[in-house]
């Protein structure tokens, strides 16, 4: 399917997002869903390792769901080769070292507008340098979801105040956030386009 899509491939979805069937959309933007429940994660890892299979430079949307055996080097290879991503979703990847993904993301994917990062358990800490990198290198972010990561209130405030185009923020299931950053949020962000904060 990927070979057939060729240079028309713009959006790629891999893993198990809860559906139990393959589905594609008959548009110029080809979509692919490969079910982890069918034991396809070995194929997916191989596919991501061999980025020459298709032109990742043209990819604008990448969603990765619940692929527990995904190698961090495979994801990093894809992000490095996909500078035009505007929509990135990585969900429930328990084996991925979070700071490596965020580090590479902020240095390679400067056009990202919609970002969803979710860890199931055992996430390593997000550092202040990572937060600052988001502000400096991902200025186009309008929708940001960071769930299960080890953020604190100060980091949350820096993100919400510093990303000037944010309309939607979801920091749910984030153990270090207790809500104190909300006290000054209304005053400091009165001219912000922010519409939803979870």
C-alpha atoms as a PDB file:
ATOM      1  CA  UNK A   1       0.000   0.000   0.000  1.00  0.00           C
ATOM      2  CA  UNK A   2       2.835   2.374   0.844  1.00  0.00           C
ATOM      3  CA  UNK A   3       4.638   1.622  -2.426  1.00  0.00           C
ATOM      4  CA  UNK A   4       1.398   2.220  -4.314  1.00  0.00           C
ATOM      5  CA  UNK A   5       0.853   5.572  -2.612  1.00  0.00           C
ATOM      6  CA  UNK A   6       4.349   6.685  -3.571  1.00  0.00           C
ATOM      7  CA  UNK A   7       4.842  10.431  -3.576  1.00  0.00           C
ATOM      8  CA  UNK A   8       1.149  11.004  -2.886  1.00  0.00           C
ATOM      9  CA  UNK A   9       1.498   9.765   0.681  1.00  0.00           C
ATOM     10  CA  UNK A  10       0.828  12.675   3.026  1.00  0.00           C
ATOM     11  CA  UNK A  11      -0.726  11.040   6.080  1.00  0.00           C
ATOM     12  CA  UNK A  12       0.309   7.835   7.830  1.00  0.00           C
ATOM     13  CA  UNK A  13      -1.399   6.162  10.782  1.00  0.00           C
ATOM     14  CA  UNK A  14       0.117   3.012  12.257  1.00  0.00           C
ATOM     15  CA  UNK A  15      -0.704   0.876  15.248  1.00  0.00           C
ATOM     16  CA  UNK A  16      -3.913  -0.040  17.030  1.00  0.00           C
ATOM     17  CA  UNK A  17      -6.201   2.891  17.767  1.00  0.00           C
ATOM     18  CA  UNK A  18      -9.186   0.761  18.733  1.00  0.00           C
ATOM     19  CA  UNK A  19     -10.523  -0.191  15.305  1.00  0.00           C
ATOM     20  CA  UNK A  20     -10.507  -3.805  14.146  1.00  0.00           C
ATOM     21  CA  UNK A  21     -10.127  -3.369  10.424  1.00  0.00           C
ATOM     22  CA  UNK A  22      -7.955  -1.778   7.791  1.00  0.00           C
ATOM     23  CA  UNK A  23      -9.344   1.420   6.355  1.00  0.00           C
ATOM     24  CA  UNK A  24      -8.176   3.788   3.683  1.00  0.00           C
ATOM     25  CA  UNK A  25      -9.651   6.976   2.331  1.00  0.00           C
ATOM     26  CA  UNK A  26      -9.942   7.432  -1.468  1.00  0.00           C
ATOM     27  CA  UNK A  27      -8.376  10.873  -1.594  1.00  0.00           C
ATOM     28  CA  UNK A  28      -5.043  12.240  -2.721  1.00  0.00           C
ATOM     29  CA  UNK A  29      -3.929  12.001   0.936  1.00  0.00           C
ATOM     30  CA  UNK A  30      -3.519   8.268   1.503  1.00  0.00           C
ATOM     31  CA  UNK A  31      -4.170   6.933   4.985  1.00  0.00           C
ATOM     32  CA  UNK A  32      -2.922   3.641   6.372  1.00  0.00           C
ATOM     33  CA  UNK A  33      -3.851   1.848   9.573  1.00  0.00           C
ATOM     34  CA  UNK A  34      -1.918  -1.283  10.471  1.00  0.00           C
ATOM     35  CA  UNK A  35      -3.210  -3.152  13.482  1.00  0.00           C
ATOM     36  CA  UNK A  36      -0.794  -4.027  16.247  1.00  0.00           C
ATOM     37  CA  UNK A  37      -3.310  -6.650  17.364  1.00  0.00           C
ATOM     38  CA  UNK A  38      -2.484  -8.621  14.223  1.00  0.00           C
ATOM     39  CA  UNK A  39       1.160  -8.824  15.283  1.00  0.00           C
ATOM     40  CA  UNK A  40       2.326  -6.248  12.754  1.00  0.00           C
ATOM     41  CA  UNK A  41       4.684  -4.252  14.965  1.00  0.00           C
ATOM     42  CA  UNK A  42       7.720  -6.066  13.527  1.00  0.00           C
ATOM     43  CA  UNK A  43       6.727  -4.920  10.056  1.00  0.00           C
ATOM     44  CA  UNK A  44       6.099  -1.388  11.281  1.00  0.00           C
ATOM     45  CA  UNK A  45       9.491  -1.138  12.962  1.00  0.00           C
ATOM     46  CA  UNK A  46      11.168  -2.416   9.778  1.00  0.00           C
ATOM     47  CA  UNK A  47       9.177   0.042   7.692  1.00  0.00           C
ATOM     48  CA  UNK A  48      10.227   2.953   9.902  1.00  0.00           C
ATOM     49  CA  UNK A  49      13.847   1.798   9.823  1.00  0.00           C
ATOM     50  CA  UNK A  50      13.833   1.793   6.025  1.00  0.00           C
ATOM     51  CA  UNK A  51      12.781   5.390   5.440  1.00  0.00           C
ATOM     52  CA  UNK A  52      13.777   5.115   1.780  1.00  0.00           C
ATOM     53  CA  UNK A  53      10.570   3.156   1.136  1.00  0.00           C
ATOM     54  CA  UNK A  54       8.756   6.408   0.524  1.00  0.00           C
ATOM     55  CA  UNK A  55       9.469  10.126   0.600  1.00  0.00           C
ATOM     56  CA  UNK A  56       9.040  11.093   4.260  1.00  0.00           C
ATOM     57  CA  UNK A  57       9.779  14.686   3.347  1.00  0.00           C
ATOM     58  CA  UNK A  58       6.246  14.954   1.934  1.00  0.00           C
ATOM     59  CA  UNK A  59       4.540  13.547   5.027  1.00  0.00           C
ATOM     60  CA  UNK A  60       2.456  16.123   6.914  1.00  0.00           C
ATOM     61  CA  UNK A  61       0.539  13.854   9.306  1.00  0.00           C
ATOM     62  CA  UNK A  62       1.888  10.953  11.381  1.00  0.00           C
ATOM     63  CA  UNK A  63      -0.077   9.057  14.042  1.00  0.00           C
ATOM     64  CA  UNK A  64       1.529   6.177  15.966  1.00  0.00           C
ATOM     65  CA  UNK A  65      -0.700   4.165  18.300  1.00  0.00           C
ATOM     66  CA  UNK A  66       0.093   1.568  20.970  1.00  0.00           C
ATOM     67  CA  UNK A  67       3.130  -0.047  19.392  1.00  0.00           C
ATOM     68  CA  UNK A  68       4.814  -1.362  22.521  1.00  0.00           C
ATOM     69  CA  UNK A  69       7.802  -2.882  20.735  1.00  0.00           C
ATOM     70  CA  UNK A  70       8.645   0.184  18.672  1.00  0.00           C
ATOM     71  CA  UNK A  71      12.347   0.968  18.764  1.00  0.00           C
ATOM     72  CA  UNK A  72      13.277   4.541  19.703  1.00  0.00           C
ATOM     73  CA  UNK A  73      15.748   4.668  16.814  1.00  0.00           C
ATOM     74  CA  UNK A  74      12.921   3.867  14.384  1.00  0.00           C
ATOM     75  CA  UNK A  75      10.814   6.789  15.588  1.00  0.00           C
ATOM     76  CA  UNK A  76      13.807   9.109  15.585  1.00  0.00           C
ATOM     77  CA  UNK A  77      14.607   8.084  12.000  1.00  0.00           C
ATOM     78  CA  UNK A  78      11.100   8.999  10.916  1.00  0.00           C
ATOM     79  CA  UNK A  79      11.057  12.346  12.735  1.00  0.00           C
ATOM     80  CA  UNK A  80      14.478  13.240  11.334  1.00  0.00           C
ATOM     81  CA  UNK A  81      13.241  12.569   7.807  1.00  0.00           C
ATOM     82  CA  UNK A  82       9.882  14.354   8.211  1.00  0.00           C
ATOM     83  CA  UNK A  83      10.518  18.102   8.530  1.00  0.00           C
ATOM     84  CA  UNK A  84       7.120  19.017   7.066  1.00  0.00           C
ATOM     85  CA  UNK A  85       4.969  17.341   9.717  1.00  0.00           C
ATOM     86  CA  UNK A  86       2.144  19.570  10.900  1.00  0.00           C
ATOM     87  CA  UNK A  87       0.213  16.884  12.797  1.00  0.00           C
ATOM     88  CA  UNK A  88       2.041  14.407  15.052  1.00  0.00           C
ATOM     89  CA  UNK A  89       0.434  11.956  17.458  1.00  0.00           C
ATOM     90  CA  UNK A  90       2.337   9.372  19.491  1.00  0.00           C
ATOM     91  CA  UNK A  91       0.123   7.409  21.868  1.00  0.00           C
ATOM     92  CA  UNK A  92       0.943   4.827  24.538  1.00  0.00           C
ATOM     93  CA  UNK A  93       4.482   3.981  23.517  1.00  0.00           C
ATOM     94  CA  UNK A  94       5.781   2.499  26.745  1.00  0.00           C
ATOM     95  CA  UNK A  95       9.266   1.706  25.458  1.00  0.00           C
ATOM     96  CA  UNK A  96      10.013   5.162  24.105  1.00  0.00           C
ATOM     97  CA  UNK A  97      12.309   7.504  26.008  1.00  0.00           C
ATOM     98  CA  UNK A  98      10.224  10.680  26.029  1.00  0.00           C
ATOM     99  CA  UNK A  99      12.987  13.247  26.215  1.00  0.00           C
ATOM    100  CA  UNK A 100      14.684  11.822  23.099  1.00  0.00           C
ATOM    101  CA  UNK A 101      11.474  12.183  21.106  1.00  0.00           C
ATOM    102  CA  UNK A 102      10.803  15.725  22.314  1.00  0.00           C
ATOM    103  CA  UNK A 103      14.429  16.714  21.755  1.00  0.00           C
ATOM    104  CA  UNK A 104      14.347  15.556  18.148  1.00  0.00           C
ATOM    105  CA  UNK A 105      10.872  16.940  17.564  1.00  0.00           C
ATOM    106  CA  UNK A 106      11.869  20.468  18.547  1.00  0.00           C
ATOM    107  CA  UNK A 107      14.883  20.349  16.236  1.00  0.00           C
ATOM    108  CA  UNK A 108      13.433  18.700  13.155  1.00  0.00           C
ATOM    109  CA  UNK A 109       9.680  19.401  13.066  1.00  0.00           C
ATOM    110  CA  UNK A 110       9.373  23.178  13.224  1.00  0.00           C
ATOM    111  CA  UNK A 111       6.099  23.258  11.286  1.00  0.00           C
ATOM    112  CA  UNK A 112       4.096  21.123  13.707  1.00  0.00           C
ATOM    113  CA  UNK A 113       0.715  22.640  14.611  1.00  0.00           C
ATOM    114  CA  UNK A 114      -1.045  19.711  16.289  1.00  0.00           C
ATOM    115  CA  UNK A 115       1.019  17.706  18.779  1.00  0.00           C
ATOM    116  CA  UNK A 116      -0.201  14.781  20.887  1.00  0.00           C
ATOM    117  CA  UNK A 117       2.288  12.934  23.114  1.00  0.00           C
ATOM    118  CA  UNK A 118       1.047  10.308  25.550  1.00  0.00           C
ATOM    119  CA  UNK A 119       2.915   7.883  27.778  1.00  0.00           C
ATOM    120  CA  UNK A 120       1.239   5.009  29.555  1.00  0.00           C
ATOM    121  CA  UNK A 121       3.631   4.710  32.490  1.00  0.00           C
ATOM    122  CA  UNK A 122       7.235   5.183  33.486  1.00  0.00           C
ATOM    123  CA  UNK A 123       7.834   8.398  31.541  1.00  0.00           C
ATOM    124  CA  UNK A 124      11.143  10.094  32.111  1.00  0.00           C
ATOM    125  CA  UNK A 125      11.235  13.732  33.172  1.00  0.00           C
ATOM    126  CA  UNK A 126      10.671  16.599  30.767  1.00  0.00           C
ATOM    127  CA  UNK A 127      13.273  19.271  31.458  1.00  0.00           C
ATOM    128  CA  UNK A 128      13.024  23.047  31.360  1.00  0.00           C
ATOM    129  CA  UNK A 129      15.404  23.050  28.402  1.00  0.00           C
ATOM    130  CA  UNK A 130      12.883  20.911  26.515  1.00  0.00           C
ATOM    131  CA  UNK A 131      10.122  23.392  27.349  1.00  0.00           C
ATOM    132  CA  UNK A 132      12.272  26.284  26.135  1.00  0.00           C
ATOM    133  CA  UNK A 133      13.018  24.348  22.945  1.00  0.00           C
ATOM    134  CA  UNK A 134       9.283  24.044  22.284  1.00  0.00           C
ATOM    135  CA  UNK A 135       8.905  27.806  22.588  1.00  0.00           C
ATOM    136  CA  UNK A 136      11.860  28.554  20.334  1.00  0.00           C
ATOM    137  CA  UNK A 137      11.376  25.909  17.647  1.00  0.00           C
ATOM    138  CA  UNK A 138       7.666  25.057  17.496  1.00  0.00           C
ATOM    139  CA  UNK A 139       5.993  28.486  17.269  1.00  0.00           C
ATOM    140  CA  UNK A 140       3.148  27.243  15.061  1.00  0.00           C
ATOM    141  CA  UNK A 141       1.618  24.968  17.731  1.00  0.00           C
ATOM    142  CA  UNK A 142      -2.120  25.542  18.040  1.00  0.00           C
ATOM    143  CA  UNK A 143      -3.168  22.251  19.678  1.00  0.00           C
ATOM    144  CA  UNK A 144      -0.995  20.644  22.355  1.00  0.00           C
ATOM    145  CA  UNK A 145      -1.689  17.453  24.302  1.00  0.00           C
ATOM    146  CA  UNK A 146       0.902  16.156  26.761  1.00  0.00           C
ATOM    147  CA  UNK A 147      -0.550  13.417  28.946  1.00  0.00           C
ATOM    148  CA  UNK A 148       1.252  11.217  31.426  1.00  0.00           C
ATOM    149  CA  UNK A 149       4.435  13.286  31.254  1.00  0.00           C
ATOM    150  CA  UNK A 150       6.290  14.596  34.306  1.00  0.00           C
ATOM    151  CA  UNK A 151       5.500  18.290  33.945  1.00  0.00           C
ATOM    152  CA  UNK A 152       5.058  20.718  36.843  1.00  0.00           C
ATOM    153  CA  UNK A 153       3.002  23.907  37.228  1.00  0.00           C
ATOM    154  CA  UNK A 154       5.878  26.197  36.287  1.00  0.00           C
ATOM    155  CA  UNK A 155       6.473  24.272  33.061  1.00  0.00           C
ATOM    156  CA  UNK A 156       2.777  24.378  32.222  1.00  0.00           C
ATOM    157  CA  UNK A 157       2.687  28.130  32.723  1.00  0.00           C
ATOM    158  CA  UNK A 158       5.742  28.634  30.514  1.00  0.00           C
ATOM    159  CA  UNK A 159       4.160  26.558  27.738  1.00  0.00           C
ATOM    160  CA  UNK A 160       0.763  28.231  27.842  1.00  0.00           C
ATOM    161  CA  UNK A 161       2.185  31.756  28.031  1.00  0.00           C
ATOM    162  CA  UNK A 162       5.008  31.201  25.562  1.00  0.00           C
ATOM    163  CA  UNK A 163       3.229  29.404  22.710  1.00  0.00           C
ATOM    164  CA  UNK A 164       1.316  32.370  21.379  1.00  0.00           C
ATOM    165  CA  UNK A 165      -0.910  30.523  18.891  1.00  0.00           C
ATOM    166  CA  UNK A 166      -2.247  27.867  21.267  1.00  0.00           C
ATOM    167  CA  UNK A 167      -6.003  27.342  21.102  1.00  0.00           C
ATOM    168  CA  UNK A 168      -6.217  23.941  22.786  1.00  0.00           C
ATOM    169  CA  UNK A 169      -4.123  22.508  25.632  1.00  0.00           C
ATOM    170  CA  UNK A 170      -4.572  19.129  27.332  1.00  0.00           C
ATOM    171  CA  UNK A 171      -2.255  18.369  30.256  1.00  0.00           C
ATOM    172  CA  UNK A 172      -4.449  15.742  31.887  1.00  0.00           C
ATOM    173  CA  UNK A 173      -2.928  12.782  33.755  1.00  0.00           C
ATOM    174  CA  UNK A 174       0.186  14.853  34.371  1.00  0.00           C
ATOM    175  CA  UNK A 175       1.334  13.966  37.876  1.00  0.00           C
ATOM    176  CA  UNK A 176       3.331  17.107  38.678  1.00  0.00           C
ATOM    177  CA  UNK A 177       0.603  19.641  37.872  1.00  0.00           C
ATOM    178  CA  UNK A 178      -1.564  20.739  40.808  1.00  0.00           C
ATOM    179  CA  UNK A 179      -3.234  23.787  39.250  1.00  0.00           C
ATOM    180  CA  UNK A 180      -1.332  26.640  40.874  1.00  0.00           C
ATOM    181  CA  UNK A 181      -0.320  27.984  37.448  1.00  0.00           C
ATOM    182  CA  UNK A 182      -3.988  28.737  36.774  1.00  0.00           C
ATOM    183  CA  UNK A 183      -4.013  31.618  39.290  1.00  0.00           C
ATOM    184  CA  UNK A 184      -2.159  34.011  37.013  1.00  0.00           C
ATOM    185  CA  UNK A 185      -3.265  32.504  33.743  1.00  0.00           C
ATOM    186  CA  UNK A 186      -6.339  34.664  33.231  1.00  0.00           C
ATOM    187  CA  UNK A 187      -4.444  37.922  33.737  1.00  0.00           C
ATOM    188  CA  UNK A 188      -1.342  36.987  31.775  1.00  0.00           C
ATOM    189  CA  UNK A 189      -3.159  35.389  28.843  1.00  0.00           C
ATOM    190  CA  UNK A 190      -6.066  37.770  28.377  1.00  0.00           C
ATOM    191  CA  UNK A 191      -5.031  38.443  24.771  1.00  0.00           C
ATOM    192  CA  UNK A 192      -4.256  34.796  24.068  1.00  0.00           C
ATOM    193  CA  UNK A 193      -6.243  32.804  21.457  1.00  0.00           C
ATOM    194  CA  UNK A 194      -6.511  29.962  24.021  1.00  0.00           C
ATOM    195  CA  UNK A 195     -10.019  28.491  23.990  1.00  0.00           C
ATOM    196  CA  UNK A 196      -9.711  25.138  25.782  1.00  0.00           C
ATOM    197  CA  UNK A 197      -7.541  24.054  28.708  1.00  0.00           C
ATOM    198  CA  UNK A 198      -7.864  20.560  30.157  1.00  0.00           C
END
